[in-house]
Structure formats: C-alpha cells, structure tokens
N, C-alpha and C. Protein backbone atom coordinates (compact mmCIF):
# COMPACT_ATOMS: atom_id res chain seq x y z
N MET A 1 7.44 12.82 16.25
CA MET A 1 8.15 13.04 15.80
C MET A 1 8.52 12.96 14.77
N THR A 2 9.33 15.14 14.16
CA THR A 2 9.48 14.99 13.09
C THR A 2 10.78 14.67 12.15
N ILE A 3 11.21 14.31 11.06
CA ILE A 3 12.66 14.46 10.34
C ILE A 3 12.88 14.62 9.79
N THR A 4 13.30 16.19 9.71
CA THR A 4 13.08 16.24 7.91
C THR A 4 15.13 16.20 7.15
N LYS A 5 15.72 15.43 5.81
CA LYS A 5 16.55 15.30 5.33
C LYS A 5 16.69 15.50 4.28
N LEU A 6 17.89 16.42 3.54
CA LEU A 6 18.05 15.72 2.44
C LEU A 6 18.34 15.22 1.60
N VAL A 7 17.96 14.06 0.53
CA VAL A 7 18.27 12.67 -0.07
C VAL A 7 18.27 13.37 -1.63
N LYS A 8 19.33 12.24 -1.71
CA LYS A 8 19.27 12.52 -3.37
C LYS A 8 19.34 11.38 -3.99
N LEU A 9 18.89 11.46 -5.13
CA LEU A 9 18.12 10.42 -6.34
C LEU A 9 18.89 9.88 -6.90
N SER A 10 19.69 8.78 -7.16
CA SER A 10 20.34 8.08 -8.57
C SER A 10 20.31 7.92 -9.52
N ARG A 11 21.07 7.85 -10.79
CA ARG A 11 20.59 7.79 -11.75
C ARG A 11 19.01 6.49 -12.59
N LYS A 12 19.59 6.04 -11.44
CA LYS A 12 18.68 4.40 -11.85
C LYS A 12 17.38 4.39 -10.73
N GLY A 13 17.26 6.34 -10.27
CA GLY A 13 15.72 6.95 -9.33
C GLY A 13 15.60 6.68 -7.87
N GLN A 14 16.86 5.75 -7.47
CA GLN A 14 16.96 5.18 -6.32
C GLN A 14 17.45 6.45 -4.99
N LEU A 15 16.72 6.01 -3.58
CA LEU A 15 17.37 7.03 -2.95
C LEU A 15 17.45 6.25 -1.73
N VAL A 16 18.23 6.84 -0.20
CA VAL A 16 18.91 5.91 0.31
C VAL A 16 17.83 6.52 1.18
N LEU A 17 17.14 5.75 2.39
CA LEU A 17 16.87 6.52 3.66
C LEU A 17 17.68 6.99 5.05
N PRO A 18 18.03 8.15 5.48
CA PRO A 18 18.47 8.04 6.21
C PRO A 18 18.91 7.49 7.85
N LYS A 19 20.13 6.68 8.29
CA LYS A 19 19.56 5.71 8.76
C LYS A 19 18.85 5.79 10.73
N LYS A 20 19.34 7.23 10.47
CA LYS A 20 18.09 7.80 11.34
C LYS A 20 16.14 7.52 11.39
N MET A 21 16.06 7.86 9.92
CA MET A 21 14.26 7.58 9.83
C MET A 21 14.14 5.93 9.26
N ARG A 22 15.12 4.89 8.87
CA ARG A 22 15.09 4.11 8.79
C ARG A 22 14.31 3.45 10.22
N GLU A 23 15.23 3.67 11.59
CA GLU A 23 15.33 2.93 12.49
C GLU A 23 14.13 4.12 12.92
N GLU A 24 13.13 5.22 13.41
CA GLU A 24 12.22 5.78 13.36
C GLU A 24 10.89 4.40 12.52
N PHE A 25 10.95 4.62 11.56
CA PHE A 25 10.52 4.49 10.59
C PHE A 25 9.82 2.24 11.29
N GLY A 26 11.06 1.78 11.57
CA GLY A 26 10.84 -0.13 11.82
C GLY A 26 10.99 -0.68 10.76
N VAL A 27 12.54 -0.34 9.70
CA VAL A 27 12.85 -0.50 8.36
C VAL A 27 14.15 -1.19 8.57
N GLY A 28 14.79 -2.11 7.59
CA GLY A 28 15.58 -1.84 7.57
C GLY A 28 15.62 -2.87 6.14
N GLU A 29 16.76 -3.20 5.76
CA GLU A 29 17.78 -3.85 4.82
C GLU A 29 15.64 -4.93 4.06
N GLY A 30 15.65 -5.37 2.88
CA GLY A 30 14.89 -6.05 1.95
C GLY A 30 13.09 -5.80 2.97
N ASP A 31 12.47 -4.48 3.26
CA ASP A 31 11.73 -4.92 3.94
C ASP A 31 11.15 -3.79 3.08
N GLU A 32 9.88 -3.73 2.72
CA GLU A 32 9.35 -4.01 1.59
C GLU A 32 8.73 -2.07 2.12
N VAL A 33 8.59 -1.50 1.42
CA VAL A 33 7.61 -0.17 2.23
C VAL A 33 6.22 -0.03 0.43
N VAL A 34 5.84 0.95 0.70
CA VAL A 34 4.23 1.39 -0.39
C VAL A 34 4.99 2.93 -0.66
N ALA A 35 4.71 2.89 -1.76
CA ALA A 35 5.02 4.81 -2.25
C ALA A 35 3.66 4.90 -2.40
N THR A 36 3.51 6.58 -2.16
CA THR A 36 2.48 6.44 -2.37
C THR A 36 2.42 7.72 -3.01
N LEU A 37 1.60 8.60 -4.00
CA LEU A 37 2.63 10.12 -4.75
C LEU A 37 0.78 10.56 -4.37
N GLU A 38 0.79 12.19 -3.79
CA GLU A 38 -0.80 11.97 -3.03
C GLU A 38 -0.38 13.78 -3.56
N GLU A 39 -1.04 14.16 -4.45
CA GLU A 39 -0.81 15.32 -4.54
C GLU A 39 0.23 15.98 -5.12
N ASN A 40 1.44 16.49 -4.22
CA ASN A 40 2.40 17.06 -4.88
C ASN A 40 3.72 16.38 -3.70
N CYS A 41 2.81 14.85 -3.36
CA CYS A 41 4.36 14.67 -2.03
C CYS A 41 4.58 13.09 -1.76
N ILE A 42 5.95 12.61 -1.99
CA ILE A 42 5.48 11.28 -2.29
C ILE A 42 4.99 10.46 -0.50
N VAL A 43 4.33 9.72 0.19
CA VAL A 43 4.48 9.28 1.26
C VAL A 43 4.95 7.64 1.23
N LEU A 44 5.18 6.72 2.00
CA LEU A 44 5.76 5.87 1.76
C LEU A 44 5.48 5.50 3.18
N THR A 45 4.60 3.66 3.53
CA THR A 45 4.13 3.01 4.15
C THR A 45 4.89 1.86 4.49
N THR A 46 5.04 1.28 5.56
CA THR A 46 5.26 -0.20 5.34
C THR A 46 4.20 -0.66 5.01
N SER A 47 3.74 -1.78 4.38
CA SER A 47 3.11 -2.79 4.34
C SER A 47 2.32 -3.24 4.52
N GLU A 48 3.06 -3.92 5.94
CA GLU A 48 2.29 -4.36 7.20
C GLU A 48 1.22 -2.61 7.50
N ARG A 49 1.61 -1.86 7.77
CA ARG A 49 0.49 -0.68 7.77
C ARG A 49 -0.29 0.11 6.41
N TYR A 50 -0.02 0.19 5.68
CA TYR A 50 -0.90 0.16 4.39
C TYR A 50 -2.00 -0.54 4.20
N ALA A 51 -1.69 -2.24 4.59
CA ALA A 51 -2.01 -3.43 4.29
C ALA A 51 -3.37 -2.71 6.11
N GLN A 52 -3.39 -2.62 7.00
CA GLN A 52 -4.10 -2.26 8.17
C GLN A 52 -5.01 -0.85 7.53
N ALA A 53 -4.38 0.04 7.23
CA ALA A 53 -4.96 0.98 6.75
C ALA A 53 -6.49 0.96 5.90
N THR A 54 -6.15 -0.37 4.35
CA THR A 54 -7.26 -0.18 3.67
C THR A 54 -7.88 -1.80 3.99
N ARG A 55 -7.46 -2.05 4.80
CA ARG A 55 -8.69 -3.49 5.20
C ARG A 55 -9.98 -2.92 5.38
N GLY A 56 -10.92 -3.60 4.80
CA GLY A 56 -12.46 -4.08 4.84
C GLY A 56 -12.75 -2.53 4.04
N LEU A 57 -11.85 -2.04 2.87
CA LEU A 57 -12.26 -0.76 1.99
C LEU A 57 -13.79 -1.52 0.82
N LEU A 58 -13.48 -2.57 0.77
CA LEU A 58 -14.29 -3.09 -0.21
C LEU A 58 -15.76 -4.11 0.21
N ILE A 59 -15.26 -3.86 1.21
CA ILE A 59 -16.59 -4.84 1.66
C ILE A 59 -17.75 -4.54 1.44
N GLY A 60 -18.71 -5.45 1.42
CA GLY A 60 -20.32 -5.21 0.08
C GLY A 60 -20.13 -5.03 -0.96
N ALA A 61 -19.11 -4.87 -1.07
CA ALA A 61 -18.53 -4.81 -3.04
C ALA A 61 -19.06 -5.34 -4.12
N TRP A 62 -19.00 -6.46 -3.44
CA TRP A 62 -19.33 -7.67 -4.37
C TRP A 62 -20.62 -8.42 -4.15
N GLY A 63 -21.45 -7.36 -2.32
CA GLY A 63 -22.59 -8.26 -1.89
C GLY A 63 -22.61 -7.92 -0.64
N ARG A 64 -24.20 -7.73 0.34
CA ARG A 64 -24.29 -7.61 1.23
C ARG A 64 -24.02 -8.80 2.29
N ASN A 65 -24.17 -10.58 1.17
CA ASN A 65 -23.78 -11.27 2.22
C ASN A 65 -23.14 -12.76 1.14
N LYS A 66 -23.22 -13.71 1.72
CA LYS A 66 -22.58 -15.15 1.35
C LYS A 66 -23.78 -15.17 -0.19
N THR A 67 -24.84 -15.29 0.09
CA THR A 67 -25.38 -15.95 -1.03
C THR A 67 -25.29 -14.61 -1.88
N GLU A 68 -25.67 -13.06 -1.80
CA GLU A 68 -24.92 -12.77 -2.48
C GLU A 68 -23.70 -12.11 -3.19
N VAL A 69 -22.90 -12.60 -3.22
CA VAL A 69 -21.12 -12.55 -3.49
C VAL A 69 -21.52 -13.49 -4.47
N SER A 70 -21.73 -14.74 -3.90
CA SER A 70 -22.04 -16.05 -4.20
C SER A 70 -22.93 -16.24 -6.17
N SER A 71 -24.24 -15.00 -5.67
CA SER A 71 -24.43 -14.97 -6.75
C SER A 71 -24.06 -13.65 -7.56
N TYR A 72 -22.85 -13.02 -7.76
CA TYR A 72 -22.11 -12.24 -8.24
C TYR A 72 -20.93 -13.34 -9.09
N ILE A 73 -20.45 -14.29 -8.34
CA ILE A 73 -19.33 -14.93 -8.94
C ILE A 73 -20.11 -16.03 -10.07
N GLU A 74 -21.64 -16.30 -9.63
CA GLU A 74 -21.57 -16.66 -10.63
C GLU A 74 -22.42 -16.39 -12.09
N LYS A 75 -22.90 -15.24 -11.54
CA LYS A 75 -22.90 -14.34 -13.59
C LYS A 75 -21.24 -13.83 -13.53
N GLU A 76 -20.73 -13.90 -12.87
CA GLU A 76 -19.40 -13.79 -13.80
C GLU A 76 -19.07 -14.50 -14.93
N ARG A 77 -18.98 -15.95 -14.07
CA ARG A 77 -18.16 -16.56 -14.52
C ARG A 77 -19.62 -17.16 -15.70
N GLU A 78 -20.04 -16.56 -16.13
CA GLU A 78 -21.56 -16.74 -16.87
C GLU A 78 -21.15 -16.30 -18.08
N ALA A 79 -20.64 -15.18 -17.82
CA ALA A 79 -20.67 -13.36 -18.44
C ALA A 79 -19.27 -14.09 -19.62
N TRP A 80 -18.50 -15.52 -19.37
CA TRP A 80 -16.84 -15.42 -19.69
C TRP A 80 -17.05 -17.17 -20.36
N GLN A 81 -18.64 -17.22 -20.29
CA GLN A 81 -18.36 -18.11 -20.91
C GLN A 81 -18.83 -18.06 -22.38
C-alpha cells in the first residue's frame, strides 16, 4: 500500500506523521525509528526492521572463527598499551 501526504516541518525540524501512516507503519508515541538519507530521499524504518536488515553485515570482519577473533582482540589490546 502506498500512502502519500504532504507534511510540514516545524521551526525545530519536527514533523508529524499522519495517523493512517503511523497505523500502517506500526509505530506510536515514544517509538524510535531510524531515519536514513538515501540520495534525495529520507527513508524511515522501525528500529526492529533496521536491526533485522543489518544483522550479519559484519560477520567475519574481525576473523572467521573464535581463534581469529581472539587474536584480533589481543593485537588491538597490545596496540593500546
């Protein structure tokens, strides 16, 4: 479903999402959302969906197994001493 509405920014840069959008998006007062600037668009995502989408991105970044990760951590600790 696509919903398009014109919203206005306040002096503080705040905006109000229309009720129908909040309901469809599944967010309410006090919920956190992630705002991402993509080229010329601002994309809002729930923090849960963002976490799911980014889960696993850094697998292997510090090693392929526990031994390699431990070795990496040890080298970093030594560099700080």
